[in-house]
Protein backbone atom coordinates (compact mmCIF):
# COMPACT_ATOMS: atom_id res chain seq x y z
CA MET A 1 7.57 2.91 -33.10
CA ASP A 2 5.18 0.36 -31.63
CA LEU A 3 3.20 1.37 -28.54
CA ASP A 4 4.46 -1.77 -26.78
CA ASP A 5 7.99 -0.37 -27.07
CA LEU A 6 7.13 2.73 -25.03
CA PRO A 7 7.87 2.71 -21.29
CA ARG A 8 4.89 2.00 -19.09
CA PRO A 9 3.58 5.01 -17.22
CA LYS A 10 4.37 5.02 -13.51
CA GLY A 11 1.44 4.62 -11.17
CA ASP A 12 -1.03 2.24 -12.77
CA ALA A 13 -4.79 2.55 -12.40
CA ALA A 14 -4.94 0.16 -9.44
CA SER A 15 -2.40 2.24 -7.51
CA LYS A 16 -4.39 5.38 -8.18
CA LEU A 17 -7.61 3.68 -7.06
CA ALA A 18 -5.93 2.62 -3.82
CA MET A 19 -5.19 6.25 -2.98
CA GLU A 20 -8.70 7.53 -3.71
CA ASP A 21 -10.79 8.91 -0.83
CA LEU A 22 -13.79 6.62 -0.41
CA SER A 23 -15.71 8.79 2.04
CA PRO A 24 -17.89 10.52 -0.63
CA TYR A 25 -19.29 7.19 -1.86
CA SER A 26 -22.61 5.75 -0.68
CA GLN A 27 -22.92 2.14 0.45
CA ASP A 28 -24.57 1.23 -2.86
CA GLU A 29 -21.75 2.88 -4.80
CA LEU A 30 -19.19 1.04 -2.70
CA GLU A 31 -20.94 -2.28 -3.34
CA GLU A 32 -20.89 -1.55 -7.10
CA ARG A 33 -17.22 -0.71 -6.85
CA VAL A 34 -16.44 -3.95 -5.01
CA ALA A 35 -18.31 -5.97 -7.66
CA LEU A 36 -16.39 -4.20 -10.43
CA LEU A 37 -13.06 -4.77 -8.69
CA GLU A 38 -13.86 -8.45 -8.08
CA ALA A 39 -14.66 -8.84 -11.78
CA GLU A 40 -11.36 -7.16 -12.64
CA ILE A 41 -9.48 -9.47 -10.26
CA ALA A 42 -11.05 -12.49 -11.99
CA ARG A 43 -10.07 -11.08 -15.40
CA VAL A 44 -6.47 -10.48 -14.30
CA LYS A 45 -6.19 -13.97 -12.76
CA ALA A 46 -7.52 -15.54 -15.98
CA HIS A 47 -4.99 -13.59 -18.04
CA HIS A 48 -2.22 -14.54 -15.61
CA GLY A 49 -3.09 -18.20 -16.07
CA LYS A 50 -2.99 -17.87 -19.86
CA ALA A 51 0.34 -16.03 -19.67
CA ALA A 52 1.79 -18.70 -17.39
CA ALA A 53 0.68 -21.46 -19.77
CA HIS A 54 2.16 -19.57 -22.71
CA ARG A 55 5.45 -19.11 -20.85
CA SER A 56 5.54 -22.77 -19.89
CA ALA A 57 4.97 -23.82 -23.50
CA ALA A 58 7.71 -21.46 -24.69
CA ASP A 59 10.12 -22.74 -22.04
CA ALA A 60 9.40 -26.33 -23.08
CA LEU A 61 9.91 -25.48 -26.75
CA PHE A 62 13.23 -23.73 -26.24
CA LYS A 63 14.57 -25.95 -23.46
CA LYS A 64 17.95 -27.38 -24.30
CA SER A 65 18.04 -31.14 -24.17
CA ASP A 66 20.90 -32.76 -22.29
CA PRO A 67 23.17 -34.99 -24.44
């Protein structure tokens, strides 16, 4: 069985991060965390754009032409 066939676990990493208590972190640690999260947001947006282009190309390829 391929790992892609397994159900995704509930509660992804971003959801778990959103519930984390931030009070123990220093200002420097929080700034590092913000920079890391901003880099992750950029990575996800880039992947989203690639996925959208791939989907658009697939839709165009398999689109039924009207007679």
